[in-house]
Amino acid sequence: MMRINDRQLQRMMKQMGMKTQDIDALEVIIRGREKDLSIRNPKVTVVEVQGQKIIQVIGDIEEIEKERLPFNEDDVKLVMEQTGSTREEAIEALKKTDGKPAEAIIELMKKNGHP
């Protein structure tokens, strides 16, 4: 069985048009819809083949569950637009009203002294 050392492998990859680059990362975070992944002690390598970049990440993976909220980004924007409130105020009002935009708008308008 023939063994290939790192130097030979690098030369073969270069001949095939492949480039690699290591990235010195402390942590890699992947944000998902339902959960996030935190990769600690990562070894990150970027491989470029024919103009396409592939990122390989190896490390200790931790899953982080996201808080499920009864409203979405559109609800937050609507409340902000209708009341002139900050993002944080809109989110807080939506949390208080179980994600009901109309009730959140009324709540913020009362709080700000609007009838």
PDB file of N, CA and C in Angstrom:
ATOM      1  N   MET A   1       0.837  -1.173   0.000  1.00  0.00           N
ATOM      2  CA  MET A   1       0.000   0.000   0.000  1.00  0.00           C
ATOM      3  C   MET A   1       0.890   1.248   0.000  1.00  0.00           C
ATOM      4  N   MET A   2       0.589   2.180  -0.909  1.00  0.00           N
ATOM      5  CA  MET A   2       1.398   3.385  -1.037  1.00  0.00           C
ATOM      6  C   MET A   2       0.876   4.477  -0.093  1.00  0.00           C
ATOM      7  N   ARG A   3       1.787   5.103   0.635  1.00  0.00           N
ATOM      8  CA  ARG A   3       1.413   6.203   1.539  1.00  0.00           C
ATOM      9  C   ARG A   3       1.791   7.529   0.877  1.00  0.00           C
ATOM     10  N   ILE A   4       0.929   8.512   1.068  1.00  0.00           N
ATOM     11  CA  ILE A   4       1.178   9.849   0.534  1.00  0.00           C
ATOM     12  C   ILE A   4       1.414  10.773   1.718  1.00  0.00           C
ATOM     13  N   ASN A   5       2.534  11.479   1.688  1.00  0.00           N
ATOM     14  CA  ASN A   5       2.790  12.424   2.781  1.00  0.00           C
ATOM     15  C   ASN A   5       2.093  13.748   2.487  1.00  0.00           C
ATOM     16  N   ASP A   6       2.069  14.632   3.473  1.00  0.00           N
ATOM     17  CA  ASP A   6       1.372  15.912   3.336  1.00  0.00           C
ATOM     18  C   ASP A   6       1.890  16.732   2.163  1.00  0.00           C
ATOM     19  N   ARG A   7       3.181  16.719   1.976  1.00  0.00           N
ATOM     20  CA  ARG A   7       3.781  17.511   0.896  1.00  0.00           C
ATOM     21  C   ARG A   7       3.311  16.999  -0.472  1.00  0.00           C
ATOM     22  N   GLN A   8       3.308  15.676  -0.648  1.00  0.00           N
ATOM     23  CA  GLN A   8       2.839  15.095  -1.909  1.00  0.00           C
ATOM     24  C   GLN A   8       1.356  15.402  -2.123  1.00  0.00           C
ATOM     25  N   LEU A   9       0.585  15.323  -1.048  1.00  0.00           N
ATOM     26  CA  LEU A   9      -0.843  15.597  -1.141  1.00  0.00           C
ATOM     27  C   LEU A   9      -1.079  17.047  -1.559  1.00  0.00           C
ATOM     28  N   GLN A  10      -0.360  17.990  -0.960  1.00  0.00           N
ATOM     29  CA  GLN A  10      -0.484  19.399  -1.315  1.00  0.00           C
ATOM     30  C   GLN A  10      -0.133  19.626  -2.790  1.00  0.00           C
ATOM     31  N   ARG A  11       0.920  18.968  -3.267  1.00  0.00           N
ATOM     32  CA  ARG A  11       1.332  19.122  -4.658  1.00  0.00           C
ATOM     33  C   ARG A  11       0.269  18.553  -5.609  1.00  0.00           C
ATOM     34  N   MET A  12      -0.293  17.401  -5.281  1.00  0.00           N
ATOM     35  CA  MET A  12      -1.340  16.801  -6.115  1.00  0.00           C
ATOM     36  C   MET A  12      -2.585  17.697  -6.150  1.00  0.00           C
ATOM     37  N   MET A  13      -2.942  18.239  -4.992  1.00  0.00           N
ATOM     38  CA  MET A  13      -4.109  19.112  -4.933  1.00  0.00           C
ATOM     39  C   MET A  13      -3.888  20.367  -5.770  1.00  0.00           C
ATOM     40  N   LYS A  14      -2.680  20.920  -5.720  1.00  0.00           N
ATOM     41  CA  LYS A  14      -2.363  22.114  -6.496  1.00  0.00           C
ATOM     42  C   LYS A  14      -2.460  21.815  -7.991  1.00  0.00           C
ATOM     43  N   GLN A  15      -1.987  20.626  -8.406  1.00  0.00           N
ATOM     44  CA  GLN A  15      -2.058  20.238  -9.817  1.00  0.00           C
ATOM     45  C   GLN A  15      -3.506  20.108 -10.281  1.00  0.00           C
ATOM     46  N   MET A  16      -4.397  19.725  -9.374  1.00  0.00           N
ATOM     47  CA  MET A  16      -5.811  19.574  -9.717  1.00  0.00           C
ATOM     48  C   MET A  16      -6.567  20.897  -9.581  1.00  0.00           C
ATOM     49  N   GLY A  17      -5.863  21.972  -9.234  1.00  0.00           N
ATOM     50  CA  GLY A  17      -6.509  23.273  -9.101  1.00  0.00           C
ATOM     51  C   GLY A  17      -7.188  23.491  -7.759  1.00  0.00           C
ATOM     52  N   MET A  18      -6.800  22.725  -6.757  1.00  0.00           N
ATOM     53  CA  MET A  18      -7.386  22.853  -5.432  1.00  0.00           C
ATOM     54  C   MET A  18      -6.452  23.655  -4.533  1.00  0.00           C
ATOM     55  N   LYS A  19      -7.024  24.601  -3.782  1.00  0.00           N
ATOM     56  CA  LYS A  19      -6.247  25.371  -2.822  1.00  0.00           C
ATOM     57  C   LYS A  19      -6.878  25.168  -1.453  1.00  0.00           C
ATOM     58  N   THR A  20      -6.048  25.101  -0.413  1.00  0.00           N
ATOM     59  CA  THR A  20      -6.573  25.004   0.943  1.00  0.00           C
ATOM     60  C   THR A  20      -5.985  26.120   1.788  1.00  0.00           C
ATOM     61  N   GLN A  21      -6.778  26.527   2.767  1.00  0.00           N
ATOM     62  CA  GLN A  21      -6.330  27.563   3.684  1.00  0.00           C
ATOM     63  C   GLN A  21      -6.933  27.254   5.053  1.00  0.00           C
ATOM     64  N   ASP A  22      -6.096  27.223   6.077  1.00  0.00           N
ATOM     65  CA  ASP A  22      -6.581  27.023   7.441  1.00  0.00           C
ATOM     66  C   ASP A  22      -6.959  28.382   8.017  1.00  0.00           C
ATOM     67  N   ILE A  23      -8.027  28.404   8.804  1.00  0.00           N
ATOM     68  CA  ILE A  23      -8.473  29.621   9.463  1.00  0.00           C
ATOM     69  C   ILE A  23      -8.314  29.437  10.961  1.00  0.00           C
ATOM     70  N   ASP A  24      -7.690  30.395  11.613  1.00  0.00           N
ATOM     71  CA  ASP A  24      -7.468  30.345  13.049  1.00  0.00           C
ATOM     72  C   ASP A  24      -8.723  30.859  13.746  1.00  0.00           C
ATOM     73  N   ALA A  25      -9.643  29.957  14.093  1.00  0.00           N
ATOM     74  CA  ALA A  25     -10.923  30.332  14.703  1.00  0.00           C
ATOM     75  C   ALA A  25     -10.978  29.864  16.147  1.00  0.00           C
ATOM     76  N   LEU A  26     -11.655  30.647  16.977  1.00  0.00           N
ATOM     77  CA  LEU A  26     -11.848  30.278  18.376  1.00  0.00           C
ATOM     78  C   LEU A  26     -13.142  29.505  18.566  1.00  0.00           C
ATOM     79  N   GLU A  27     -14.160  29.873  17.784  1.00  0.00           N
ATOM     80  CA  GLU A  27     -15.475  29.233  17.883  1.00  0.00           C
ATOM     81  C   GLU A  27     -16.195  29.463  16.565  1.00  0.00           C
ATOM     82  N   VAL A  28     -17.004  28.492  16.149  1.00  0.00           N
ATOM     83  CA  VAL A  28     -17.830  28.631  14.957  1.00  0.00           C
ATOM     84  C   VAL A  28     -19.271  28.473  15.407  1.00  0.00           C
ATOM     85  N   ILE A  29     -20.131  29.410  14.987  1.00  0.00           N
ATOM     86  CA  ILE A  29     -21.549  29.338  15.345  1.00  0.00           C
ATOM     87  C   ILE A  29     -22.354  29.240  14.060  1.00  0.00           C
ATOM     88  N   ILE A  30     -23.239  28.254  14.012  1.00  0.00           N
ATOM     89  CA  ILE A  30     -24.141  28.085  12.877  1.00  0.00           C
ATOM     90  C   ILE A  30     -25.543  28.357  13.400  1.00  0.00           C
ATOM     91  N   ARG A  31     -26.199  29.374  12.835  1.00  0.00           N
ATOM     92  CA  ARG A  31     -27.532  29.755  13.283  1.00  0.00           C
ATOM     93  C   ARG A  31     -28.571  29.052  12.418  1.00  0.00           C
ATOM     94  N   GLY A  32     -29.412  28.279  13.054  1.00  0.00           N
ATOM     95  CA  GLY A  32     -30.471  27.574  12.355  1.00  0.00           C
ATOM     96  C   GLY A  32     -31.831  28.121  12.739  1.00  0.00           C
ATOM     97  N   ARG A  33     -32.862  27.636  12.099  1.00  0.00           N
ATOM     98  CA  ARG A  33     -34.216  28.093  12.401  1.00  0.00           C
ATOM     99  C   ARG A  33     -34.685  27.600  13.767  1.00  0.00           C
ATOM    100  N   GLU A  34     -34.405  26.354  14.084  1.00  0.00           N
ATOM    101  CA  GLU A  34     -34.908  25.776  15.326  1.00  0.00           C
ATOM    102  C   GLU A  34     -33.862  25.672  16.415  1.00  0.00           C
ATOM    103  N   LYS A  35     -32.587  25.540  16.008  1.00  0.00           N
ATOM    104  CA  LYS A  35     -31.507  25.478  16.988  1.00  0.00           C
ATOM    105  C   LYS A  35     -30.230  25.994  16.357  1.00  0.00           C
ATOM    106  N   ASP A  36     -29.303  26.389  17.212  1.00  0.00           N
ATOM    107  CA  ASP A  36     -27.996  26.846  16.762  1.00  0.00           C
ATOM    108  C   ASP A  36     -26.971  25.785  17.119  1.00  0.00           C
ATOM    109  N   LEU A  37     -25.850  25.793  16.420  1.00  0.00           N
ATOM    110  CA  LEU A  37     -24.740  24.896  16.733  1.00  0.00           C
ATOM    111  C   LEU A  37     -23.536  25.742  17.099  1.00  0.00           C
ATOM    112  N   SER A  38     -22.921  25.416  18.213  1.00  0.00           N
ATOM    113  CA  SER A  38     -21.690  26.077  18.622  1.00  0.00           C
ATOM    114  C   SER A  38     -20.587  25.033  18.520  1.00  0.00           C
ATOM    115  N   ILE A  39     -19.539  25.336  17.771  1.00  0.00           N
ATOM    116  CA  ILE A  39     -18.442  24.396  17.585  1.00  0.00           C
ATOM    117  C   ILE A  39     -17.216  24.988  18.263  1.00  0.00           C
ATOM    118  N   ARG A  40     -16.819  24.352  19.350  1.00  0.00           N
ATOM    119  CA  ARG A  40     -15.683  24.828  20.140  1.00  0.00           C
ATOM    120  C   ARG A  40     -14.423  24.072  19.717  1.00  0.00           C
ATOM    121  N   ASN A  41     -13.281  24.700  19.926  1.00  0.00           N
ATOM    122  CA  ASN A  41     -11.988  24.132  19.527  1.00  0.00           C
ATOM    123  C   ASN A  41     -12.014  23.701  18.057  1.00  0.00           C
ATOM    124  N   PRO A  42     -12.457  24.602  17.179  1.00  0.00           N
ATOM    125  CA  PRO A  42     -12.615  24.190  15.783  1.00  0.00           C
ATOM    126  C   PRO A  42     -11.304  24.163  15.004  1.00  0.00           C
ATOM    127  N   LYS A  43     -11.268  23.251  14.053  1.00  0.00           N
ATOM    128  CA  LYS A  43     -10.217  23.250  13.032  1.00  0.00           C
ATOM    129  C   LYS A  43     -10.975  23.563  11.749  1.00  0.00           C
ATOM    130  N   VAL A  44     -10.749  24.762  11.216  1.00  0.00           N
ATOM    131  CA  VAL A  44     -11.496  25.237  10.054  1.00  0.00           C
ATOM    132  C   VAL A  44     -10.566  25.288   8.846  1.00  0.00           C
ATOM    133  N   THR A  45     -11.001  24.645   7.762  1.00  0.00           N
ATOM    134  CA  THR A  45     -10.233  24.628   6.530  1.00  0.00           C
ATOM    135  C   THR A  45     -11.129  25.068   5.381  1.00  0.00           C
ATOM    136  N   VAL A  46     -10.627  25.994   4.566  1.00  0.00           N
ATOM    137  CA  VAL A  46     -11.335  26.419   3.369  1.00  0.00           C
ATOM    138  C   VAL A  46     -10.658  25.733   2.190  1.00  0.00           C
ATOM    139  N   VAL A  47     -11.438  25.017   1.404  1.00  0.00           N
ATOM    140  CA  VAL A  47     -10.929  24.340   0.211  1.00  0.00           C
ATOM    141  C   VAL A  47     -11.575  25.016  -0.992  1.00  0.00           C
ATOM    142  N   GLU A  48     -10.747  25.483  -1.928  1.00  0.00           N
ATOM    143  CA  GLU A  48     -11.270  26.117  -3.135  1.00  0.00           C
ATOM    144  C   GLU A  48     -11.003  25.199  -4.319  1.00  0.00           C
ATOM    145  N   VAL A  49     -12.071  24.827  -5.018  1.00  0.00           N
ATOM    146  CA  VAL A  49     -11.984  23.953  -6.185  1.00  0.00           C
ATOM    147  C   VAL A  49     -12.775  24.614  -7.308  1.00  0.00           C
ATOM    148  N   GLN A  50     -12.122  24.917  -8.390  1.00  0.00           N
ATOM    149  CA  GLN A  50     -12.747  25.514  -9.572  1.00  0.00           C
ATOM    150  C   GLN A  50     -13.595  26.729  -9.203  1.00  0.00           C
ATOM    151  N   GLY A  51     -13.080  27.587  -8.343  1.00  0.00           N
ATOM    152  CA  GLY A  51     -13.772  28.816  -7.979  1.00  0.00           C
ATOM    153  C   GLY A  51     -14.817  28.671  -6.884  1.00  0.00           C
ATOM    154  N   GLN A  52     -15.118  27.457  -6.495  1.00  0.00           N
ATOM    155  CA  GLN A  52     -16.097  27.213  -5.431  1.00  0.00           C
ATOM    156  C   GLN A  52     -15.355  26.995  -4.124  1.00  0.00           C
ATOM    157  N   LYS A  53     -15.868  27.602  -3.044  1.00  0.00           N
ATOM    158  CA  LYS A  53     -15.232  27.436  -1.739  1.00  0.00           C
ATOM    159  C   LYS A  53     -16.065  26.497  -0.869  1.00  0.00           C
ATOM    160  N   ILE A  54     -15.367  25.577  -0.245  1.00  0.00           N
ATOM    161  CA  ILE A  54     -15.985  24.616   0.674  1.00  0.00           C
ATOM    162  C   ILE A  54     -15.323  24.835   2.025  1.00  0.00           C
ATOM    163  N   ILE A  55     -16.143  24.954   3.059  1.00  0.00           N
ATOM    164  CA  ILE A  55     -15.589  25.153   4.397  1.00  0.00           C
ATOM    165  C   ILE A  55     -15.822  23.882   5.203  1.00  0.00           C
ATOM    166  N   GLN A  56     -14.735  23.351   5.738  1.00  0.00           N
ATOM    167  CA  GLN A  56     -14.800  22.151   6.567  1.00  0.00           C
ATOM    168  C   GLN A  56     -14.511  22.560   8.004  1.00  0.00           C
ATOM    169  N   VAL A  57     -15.396  22.153   8.926  1.00  0.00           N
ATOM    170  CA  VAL A  57     -15.226  22.497  10.334  1.00  0.00           C
ATOM    171  C   VAL A  57     -15.236  21.210  11.149  1.00  0.00           C
ATOM    172  N   ILE A  58     -14.201  21.035  11.950  1.00  0.00           N
ATOM    173  CA  ILE A  58     -14.102  19.882  12.844  1.00  0.00           C
ATOM    174  C   ILE A  58     -13.940  20.430  14.251  1.00  0.00           C
ATOM    175  N   GLY A  59     -14.690  19.879  15.206  1.00  0.00           N
ATOM    176  CA  GLY A  59     -14.559  20.351  16.585  1.00  0.00           C
ATOM    177  C   GLY A  59     -15.612  19.746  17.490  1.00  0.00           C
ATOM    178  N   ASP A  60     -15.713  20.288  18.696  1.00  0.00           N
ATOM    179  CA  ASP A  60     -16.684  19.834  19.686  1.00  0.00           C
ATOM    180  C   ASP A  60     -17.995  20.581  19.461  1.00  0.00           C
ATOM    181  N   ILE A  61     -19.054  19.842  19.099  1.00  0.00           N
ATOM    182  CA  ILE A  61     -20.326  20.458  18.727  1.00  0.00           C
ATOM    183  C   ILE A  61     -21.289  20.466  19.916  1.00  0.00           C
ATOM    184  N   GLU A  62     -21.899  21.639  20.133  1.00  0.00           N
ATOM    185  CA  GLU A  62     -22.919  21.791  21.171  1.00  0.00           C
ATOM    186  C   GLU A  62     -24.173  22.351  20.514  1.00  0.00           C
ATOM    187  N   GLU A  63     -25.316  21.685  20.711  1.00  0.00           N
ATOM    188  CA  GLU A  63     -26.579  22.176  20.173  1.00  0.00           C
ATOM    189  C   GLU A  63     -27.201  23.141  21.167  1.00  0.00           C
ATOM    190  N   ILE A  64     -27.706  24.255  20.670  1.00  0.00           N
ATOM    191  CA  ILE A  64     -28.340  25.252  21.520  1.00  0.00           C
ATOM    192  C   ILE A  64     -29.770  25.451  21.020  1.00  0.00           C
ATOM    193  N   GLU A  65     -30.739  25.041  21.837  1.00  0.00           N
ATOM    194  CA  GLU A  65     -32.147  25.195  21.463  1.00  0.00           C
ATOM    195  C   GLU A  65     -32.527  26.662  21.513  1.00  0.00           C
ATOM    196  N   LYS A  66     -33.365  27.088  20.580  1.00  0.00           N
ATOM    197  CA  LYS A  66     -33.826  28.471  20.546  1.00  0.00           C
ATOM    198  C   LYS A  66     -35.147  28.591  21.293  1.00  0.00           C
ATOM    199  N   GLU A  67     -35.339  29.778  21.868  1.00  0.00           N
ATOM    200  CA  GLU A  67     -36.604  30.066  22.531  1.00  0.00           C
ATOM    201  C   GLU A  67     -37.674  30.203  21.453  1.00  0.00           C
ATOM    202  N   ARG A  68     -38.745  29.456  21.594  1.00  0.00           N
ATOM    203  CA  ARG A  68     -39.832  29.539  20.619  1.00  0.00           C
ATOM    204  C   ARG A  68     -40.778  30.657  21.026  1.00  0.00           C
ATOM    205  N   LEU A  69     -40.910  31.633  20.168  1.00  0.00           N
ATOM    206  CA  LEU A  69     -41.772  32.764  20.457  1.00  0.00           C
ATOM    207  C   LEU A  69     -43.049  32.662  19.626  1.00  0.00           C
ATOM    208  N   PRO A  70     -44.175  33.121  20.184  1.00  0.00           N
ATOM    209  CA  PRO A  70     -45.457  33.001  19.462  1.00  0.00           C
ATOM    210  C   PRO A  70     -45.664  34.103  18.417  1.00  0.00           C
ATOM    211  N   PHE A  71     -44.581  34.669  17.896  1.00  0.00           N
ATOM    212  CA  PHE A  71     -44.680  35.697  16.867  1.00  0.00           C
ATOM    213  C   PHE A  71     -43.444  35.617  15.990  1.00  0.00           C
ATOM    214  N   ASN A  72     -43.506  36.306  14.838  1.00  0.00           N
ATOM    215  CA  ASN A  72     -42.372  36.262  13.909  1.00  0.00           C
ATOM    216  C   ASN A  72     -41.842  37.670  13.635  1.00  0.00           C
ATOM    217  N   GLU A  73     -40.873  37.761  12.784  1.00  0.00           N
ATOM    218  CA  GLU A  73     -40.216  39.037  12.483  1.00  0.00           C
ATOM    219  C   GLU A  73     -41.181  40.045  11.873  1.00  0.00           C
ATOM    220  N   ASP A  74     -42.122  39.578  11.046  1.00  0.00           N
ATOM    221  CA  ASP A  74     -43.104  40.484  10.442  1.00  0.00           C
ATOM    222  C   ASP A  74     -43.972  41.141  11.510  1.00  0.00           C
ATOM    223  N   ASP A  75     -44.340  40.362  12.549  1.00  0.00           N
ATOM    224  CA  ASP A  75     -45.134  40.918  13.652  1.00  0.00           C
ATOM    225  C   ASP A  75     -44.354  42.022  14.366  1.00  0.00           C
ATOM    226  N   VAL A  76     -43.069  41.788  14.597  1.00  0.00           N
ATOM    227  CA  VAL A  76     -42.228  42.773  15.273  1.00  0.00           C
ATOM    228  C   VAL A  76     -42.171  44.057  14.450  1.00  0.00           C
ATOM    229  N   LYS A  77     -41.939  43.931  13.134  1.00  0.00           N
ATOM    230  CA  LYS A  77     -41.858  45.099  12.256  1.00  0.00           C
ATOM    231  C   LYS A  77     -43.175  45.871  12.236  1.00  0.00           C
ATOM    232  N   LEU A  78     -44.291  45.145  12.186  1.00  0.00           N
ATOM    233  CA  LEU A  78     -45.598  45.784  12.160  1.00  0.00           C
ATOM    234  C   LEU A  78     -45.820  46.614  13.424  1.00  0.00           C
ATOM    235  N   VAL A  79     -45.536  46.042  14.571  1.00  0.00           N
ATOM    236  CA  VAL A  79     -45.715  46.757  15.837  1.00  0.00           C
ATOM    237  C   VAL A  79     -44.806  47.980  15.882  1.00  0.00           C
ATOM    238  N   MET A  80     -43.572  47.844  15.435  1.00  0.00           N
ATOM    239  CA  MET A  80     -42.637  48.971  15.423  1.00  0.00           C
ATOM    240  C   MET A  80     -43.153  50.098  14.523  1.00  0.00           C
ATOM    241  N   GLU A  81     -43.620  49.726  13.324  1.00  0.00           N
ATOM    242  CA  GLU A  81     -44.103  50.727  12.366  1.00  0.00           C
ATOM    243  C   GLU A  81     -45.329  51.464  12.885  1.00  0.00           C
ATOM    244  N   GLN A  82     -46.246  50.727  13.484  1.00  0.00           N
ATOM    245  CA  GLN A  82     -47.506  51.314  13.934  1.00  0.00           C
ATOM    246  C   GLN A  82     -47.370  52.163  15.189  1.00  0.00           C
ATOM    247  N   THR A  83     -46.348  51.889  15.984  1.00  0.00           N
ATOM    248  CA  THR A  83     -46.226  52.582  17.267  1.00  0.00           C
ATOM    249  C   THR A  83     -44.996  53.472  17.371  1.00  0.00           C
ATOM    250  N   GLY A  84     -44.072  53.339  16.442  1.00  0.00           N
ATOM    251  CA  GLY A  84     -42.838  54.108  16.522  1.00  0.00           C
ATOM    252  C   GLY A  84     -41.938  53.634  17.653  1.00  0.00           C
ATOM    253  N   SER A  85     -42.151  52.411  18.101  1.00  0.00           N
ATOM    254  CA  SER A  85     -41.381  51.865  19.222  1.00  0.00           C
ATOM    255  C   SER A  85     -40.077  51.241  18.736  1.00  0.00           C
ATOM    256  N   THR A  86     -39.210  50.955  19.691  1.00  0.00           N
ATOM    257  CA  THR A  86     -37.958  50.271  19.368  1.00  0.00           C
ATOM    258  C   THR A  86     -38.242  48.789  19.186  1.00  0.00           C
ATOM    259  N   ARG A  87     -37.291  48.095  18.644  1.00  0.00           N
ATOM    260  CA  ARG A  87     -37.418  46.645  18.460  1.00  0.00           C
ATOM    261  C   ARG A  87     -37.644  45.948  19.798  1.00  0.00           C
ATOM    262  N   GLU A  88     -36.876  46.350  20.798  1.00  0.00           N
ATOM    263  CA  GLU A  88     -36.991  45.729  22.125  1.00  0.00           C
ATOM    264  C   GLU A  88     -38.373  45.959  22.724  1.00  0.00           C
ATOM    265  N   GLU A  89     -38.906  47.182  22.574  1.00  0.00           N
ATOM    266  CA  GLU A  89     -40.249  47.480  23.097  1.00  0.00           C
ATOM    267  C   GLU A  89     -41.305  46.647  22.384  1.00  0.00           C
ATOM    268  N   ALA A  90     -41.176  46.523  21.072  1.00  0.00           N
ATOM    269  CA  ALA A  90     -42.141  45.740  20.294  1.00  0.00           C
ATOM    270  C   ALA A  90     -42.110  44.273  20.710  1.00  0.00           C
ATOM    271  N   ILE A  91     -40.925  43.725  20.880  1.00  0.00           N
ATOM    272  CA  ILE A  91     -40.798  42.319  21.292  1.00  0.00           C
ATOM    273  C   ILE A  91     -41.391  42.121  22.679  1.00  0.00           C
ATOM    274  N   GLU A  92     -41.106  43.033  23.591  1.00  0.00           N
ATOM    275  CA  GLU A  92     -41.634  42.921  24.955  1.00  0.00           C
ATOM    276  C   GLU A  92     -43.172  42.966  24.949  1.00  0.00           C
ATOM    277  N   ALA A  93     -43.735  43.868  24.159  1.00  0.00           N
ATOM    278  CA  ALA A  93     -45.196  43.977  24.066  1.00  0.00           C
ATOM    279  C   ALA A  93     -45.799  42.710  23.454  1.00  0.00           C
ATOM    280  N   LEU A  94     -45.152  42.162  22.443  1.00  0.00           N
ATOM    281  CA  LEU A  94     -45.647  40.924  21.828  1.00  0.00           C
ATOM    282  C   LEU A  94     -45.570  39.756  22.806  1.00  0.00           C
ATOM    283  N   LYS A  95     -44.528  39.720  23.620  1.00  0.00           N
ATOM    284  CA  LYS A  95     -44.425  38.659  24.633  1.00  0.00           C
ATOM    285  C   LYS A  95     -45.565  38.780  25.643  1.00  0.00           C
ATOM    286  N   LYS A  96     -45.862  40.018  26.069  1.00  0.00           N
ATOM    287  CA  LYS A  96     -46.933  40.255  27.051  1.00  0.00           C
ATOM    288  C   LYS A  96     -48.302  39.869  26.520  1.00  0.00           C
ATOM    289  N   THR A  97     -48.495  40.011  25.203  1.00  0.00           N
ATOM    290  CA  THR A  97     -49.812  39.765  24.599  1.00  0.00           C
ATOM    291  C   THR A  97     -49.875  38.426  23.867  1.00  0.00           C
ATOM    292  N   ASP A  98     -48.996  37.504  24.231  1.00  0.00           N
ATOM    293  CA  ASP A  98     -48.955  36.163  23.621  1.00  0.00           C
ATOM    294  C   ASP A  98     -48.854  36.207  22.095  1.00  0.00           C
ATOM    295  N   GLY A  99     -48.094  37.176  21.580  1.00  0.00           N
ATOM    296  CA  GLY A  99     -47.814  37.225  20.153  1.00  0.00           C
ATOM    297  C   GLY A  99     -48.909  37.834  19.302  1.00  0.00           C
ATOM    298  N   LYS A 100     -49.840  38.554  19.918  1.00  0.00           N
ATOM    299  CA  LYS A 100     -50.942  39.160  19.157  1.00  0.00           C
ATOM    300  C   LYS A 100     -50.571  40.598  18.808  1.00  0.00           C
ATOM    301  N   PRO A 101     -50.258  40.861  17.532  1.00  0.00           N
ATOM    302  CA  PRO A 101     -49.793  42.191  17.131  1.00  0.00           C
ATOM    303  C   PRO A 101     -50.772  43.319  17.454  1.00  0.00           C
ATOM    304  N   ALA A 102     -52.061  43.095  17.205  1.00  0.00           N
ATOM    305  CA  ALA A 102     -53.043  44.159  17.454  1.00  0.00           C
ATOM    306  C   ALA A 102     -53.059  44.554  18.925  1.00  0.00           C
ATOM    307  N   GLU A 103     -53.034  43.554  19.809  1.00  0.00           N
ATOM    308  CA  GLU A 103     -53.041  43.837  21.240  1.00  0.00           C
ATOM    309  C   GLU A 103     -51.727  44.494  21.668  1.00  0.00           C
ATOM    310  N   ALA A 104     -50.625  44.105  21.052  1.00  0.00           N
ATOM    311  CA  ALA A 104     -49.332  44.703  21.374  1.00  0.00           C
ATOM    312  C   ALA A 104     -49.312  46.178  20.970  1.00  0.00           C
ATOM    313  N   ILE A 105     -49.911  46.486  19.819  1.00  0.00           N
ATOM    314  CA  ILE A 105     -49.987  47.873  19.347  1.00  0.00           C
ATOM    315  C   ILE A 105     -50.804  48.712  20.322  1.00  0.00           C
ATOM    316  N   ILE A 106     -51.964  48.187  20.736  1.00  0.00           N
ATOM    317  CA  ILE A 106     -52.822  48.895  21.690  1.00  0.00           C
ATOM    318  C   ILE A 106     -52.085  49.103  23.006  1.00  0.00           C
ATOM    319  N   GLU A 107     -51.392  48.058  23.470  1.00  0.00           N
ATOM    320  CA  GLU A 107     -50.632  48.128  24.726  1.00  0.00           C
ATOM    321  C   GLU A 107     -49.579  49.242  24.672  1.00  0.00           C
ATOM    322  N   LEU A 108     -48.834  49.299  23.581  1.00  0.00           N
ATOM    323  CA  LEU A 108     -47.794  50.321  23.459  1.00  0.00           C
ATOM    324  C   LEU A 108     -48.377  51.722  23.303  1.00  0.00           C
ATOM    325  N   MET A 109     -49.506  51.836  22.596  1.00  0.00           N
ATOM    326  CA  MET A 109     -50.123  53.151  22.424  1.00  0.00           C
ATOM    327  C   MET A 109     -50.640  53.679  23.754  1.00  0.00           C
ATOM    328  N   LYS A 110     -51.212  52.811  24.568  1.00  0.00           N
ATOM    329  CA  LYS A 110     -51.668  53.209  25.910  1.00  0.00           C
ATOM    330  C   LYS A 110     -50.483  53.645  26.757  1.00  0.00           C
ATOM    331  N   LYS A 111     -49.416  52.873  26.689  1.00  0.00           N
ATOM    332  CA  LYS A 111     -48.222  53.157  27.479  1.00  0.00           C
ATOM    333  C   LYS A 111     -47.616  54.510  27.107  1.00  0.00           C
ATOM    334  N   ASN A 112     -47.678  54.853  25.815  1.00  0.00           N
ATOM    335  CA  ASN A 112     -47.091  56.100  25.332  1.00  0.00           C
ATOM    336  C   ASN A 112     -48.069  57.265  25.376  1.00  0.00           C
ATOM    337  N   GLY A 113     -49.256  57.055  25.978  1.00  0.00           N
ATOM    338  CA  GLY A 113     -50.221  58.132  26.153  1.00  0.00           C
ATOM    339  C   GLY A 113     -51.093  58.439  24.952  1.00  0.00           C
ATOM    340  N   HIS A 114     -51.189  57.522  24.000  1.00  0.00           N
ATOM    341  CA  HIS A 114     -52.086  57.701  22.860  1.00  0.00           C
ATOM    342  C   HIS A 114     -53.406  57.001  23.171  1.00  0.00           C
ATOM    343  N   PRO A 115     -54.506  57.570  22.777  1.00  0.00           N
ATOM    344  CA  PRO A 115     -55.813  56.931  23.049  1.00  0.00           C
ATOM    345  C   PRO A 115     -56.025  55.680  22.233  1.00  0.00           C
TER     346      PRO A 115
END
